Amino acid sequence: MTNTNARSRQQAEPVVDRKQLQIVARERAFEELEEAASASDEKTVRLREARLAREMKDRLKAAAARAVTKSARKA
């Protein structure tokens, strides 16, 4: 009986080891995907902030140009 159990265990251990390796590899892949998504989100936020700052600068520049034009007309 113990011989049968030992043989069954020997057959099962490699299968379990492979499954555990697959689980670890899958978890690692998901972590890499999450890191990539997080980096992408951070980059998107940074680019959006830069775009909004550039647009605000352009609006202020245009408003200043209009103010100069109006004051030049009055003079």
C-alpha atoms as a PDB file:
ATOM      1  CA  MET A   1       0.000   0.000   0.000  1.00  0.00           C
ATOM      2  CA  THR A   2       2.780   2.447   0.876  1.00  0.00           C
ATOM      3  CA  ASN A   3       4.475   1.549  -2.399  1.00  0.00           C
ATOM      4  CA  THR A   4       1.342   2.590  -4.306  1.00  0.00           C
ATOM      5  CA  ASN A   5       1.106   5.826  -2.316  1.00  0.00           C
ATOM      6  CA  ALA A   6       4.759   6.595  -2.927  1.00  0.00           C
ATOM      7  CA  ARG A   7       4.376   5.982  -6.655  1.00  0.00           C
ATOM      8  CA  SER A   8       1.229   8.120  -6.816  1.00  0.00           C
ATOM      9  CA  ARG A   9       2.997  10.868  -4.936  1.00  0.00           C
ATOM     10  CA  GLN A  10       5.991  10.708  -7.278  1.00  0.00           C
ATOM     11  CA  GLN A  11       3.671  11.041 -10.247  1.00  0.00           C
ATOM     12  CA  ALA A  12       1.678  13.866  -8.710  1.00  0.00           C
ATOM     13  CA  GLU A  13       4.581  16.020  -7.506  1.00  0.00           C
ATOM     14  CA  PRO A  14       5.824  17.055 -10.981  1.00  0.00           C
ATOM     15  CA  VAL A  15       2.273  17.904 -12.022  1.00  0.00           C
ATOM     16  CA  VAL A  16       1.779  20.049  -8.929  1.00  0.00           C
ATOM     17  CA  ASP A  17       5.180  21.690  -9.438  1.00  0.00           C
ATOM     18  CA  ARG A  18       4.299  22.580 -13.042  1.00  0.00           C
ATOM     19  CA  LYS A  19       0.965  24.014 -11.943  1.00  0.00           C
ATOM     20  CA  GLN A  20       2.654  26.096  -9.256  1.00  0.00           C
ATOM     21  CA  LEU A  21       5.166  27.415 -11.801  1.00  0.00           C
ATOM     22  CA  GLN A  22       2.308  28.297 -14.139  1.00  0.00           C
ATOM     23  CA  ILE A  23       0.533  30.155 -11.354  1.00  0.00           C
ATOM     24  CA  VAL A  24       3.681  32.106 -10.464  1.00  0.00           C
ATOM     25  CA  ALA A  25       4.298  32.945 -14.134  1.00  0.00           C
ATOM     26  CA  ARG A  26       0.693  34.067 -14.559  1.00  0.00           C
ATOM     27  CA  GLU A  27       0.869  36.272 -11.466  1.00  0.00           C
ATOM     28  CA  ARG A  28       4.125  37.790 -12.705  1.00  0.00           C
ATOM     29  CA  ALA A  29       2.560  38.496 -16.109  1.00  0.00           C
ATOM     30  CA  PHE A  30      -0.438  40.188 -14.473  1.00  0.00           C
ATOM     31  CA  GLU A  31       1.880  42.295 -12.312  1.00  0.00           C
ATOM     32  CA  GLU A  32       3.785  43.397 -15.420  1.00  0.00           C
ATOM     33  CA  LEU A  33       0.529  44.296 -17.150  1.00  0.00           C
ATOM     34  CA  GLU A  34      -0.623  46.293 -14.138  1.00  0.00           C
ATOM     35  CA  GLU A  35       2.724  48.119 -13.993  1.00  0.00           C
ATOM     36  CA  ALA A  36       2.492  48.949 -17.700  1.00  0.00           C
ATOM     37  CA  ALA A  37      -1.072  50.203 -17.293  1.00  0.00           C
ATOM     38  CA  SER A  38      -0.081  52.296 -14.289  1.00  0.00           C
ATOM     39  CA  ALA A  39       2.863  53.806 -16.172  1.00  0.00           C
ATOM     40  CA  SER A  40       0.582  54.568 -19.103  1.00  0.00           C
ATOM     41  CA  ASP A  41      -1.967  56.234 -16.817  1.00  0.00           C
ATOM     42  CA  GLU A  42       0.753  58.341 -15.184  1.00  0.00           C
ATOM     43  CA  LYS A  43       2.068  59.398 -18.582  1.00  0.00           C
ATOM     44  CA  THR A  44      -1.444  60.307 -19.724  1.00  0.00           C
ATOM     45  CA  VAL A  45      -1.957  62.489 -16.645  1.00  0.00           C
ATOM     46  CA  ARG A  46       1.411  64.182 -17.144  1.00  0.00           C
ATOM     47  CA  LEU A  47       0.709  64.862 -20.826  1.00  0.00           C
ATOM     48  CA  ARG A  48      -2.794  66.159 -20.063  1.00  0.00           C
ATOM     49  CA  GLU A  49      -1.400  68.567 -17.472  1.00  0.00           C
ATOM     50  CA  ALA A  50       1.228  69.780 -19.947  1.00  0.00           C
ATOM     51  CA  ARG A  51      -1.423  70.270 -22.644  1.00  0.00           C
ATOM     52  CA  LEU A  52      -3.714  72.193 -20.304  1.00  0.00           C
ATOM     53  CA  ALA A  53      -0.832  74.406 -19.179  1.00  0.00           C
ATOM     54  CA  ARG A  54       0.131  75.074 -22.804  1.00  0.00           C
ATOM     55  CA  GLU A  55      -3.478  75.906 -23.708  1.00  0.00           C
ATOM     56  CA  MET A  56      -3.757  78.281 -20.737  1.00  0.00           C
ATOM     57  CA  LYS A  57      -0.517  79.981 -21.747  1.00  0.00           C
ATOM     58  CA  ASP A  58      -1.804  80.366 -25.312  1.00  0.00           C
ATOM     59  CA  ARG A  59      -5.113  81.825 -24.066  1.00  0.00           C
ATOM     60  CA  LEU A  60      -3.325  84.324 -21.841  1.00  0.00           C
ATOM     61  CA  LYS A  61      -1.046  85.280 -24.715  1.00  0.00           C
ATOM     62  CA  ALA A  62      -4.047  85.821 -27.003  1.00  0.00           C
ATOM     63  CA  ALA A  63      -5.854  87.866 -24.353  1.00  0.00           C
ATOM     64  CA  ALA A  64      -2.774  90.034 -23.858  1.00  0.00           C
ATOM     65  CA  ALA A  65      -2.500  90.553 -27.618  1.00  0.00           C
ATOM     66  CA  ARG A  66      -6.162  91.605 -27.771  1.00  0.00           C
ATOM     67  CA  ALA A  67      -5.628  94.019 -24.890  1.00  0.00           C
ATOM     68  CA  VAL A  68      -2.651  95.576 -26.667  1.00  0.00           C
ATOM     69  CA  THR A  69      -4.665  95.873 -29.885  1.00  0.00           C
ATOM     70  CA  LYS A  70      -7.582  97.548 -28.069  1.00  0.00           C
ATOM     71  CA  SER A  71      -5.298  99.999 -26.272  1.00  0.00           C
ATOM     72  CA  ALA A  72      -3.522 100.808 -29.552  1.00  0.00           C
ATOM     73  CA  ARG A  73      -6.867 101.601 -31.198  1.00  0.00           C
ATOM     74  CA  LYS A  74      -7.824 103.988 -28.400  1.00  0.00           C
ATOM     75  CA  ALA A  75      -4.581 105.907 -28.687  1.00  0.00           C
END
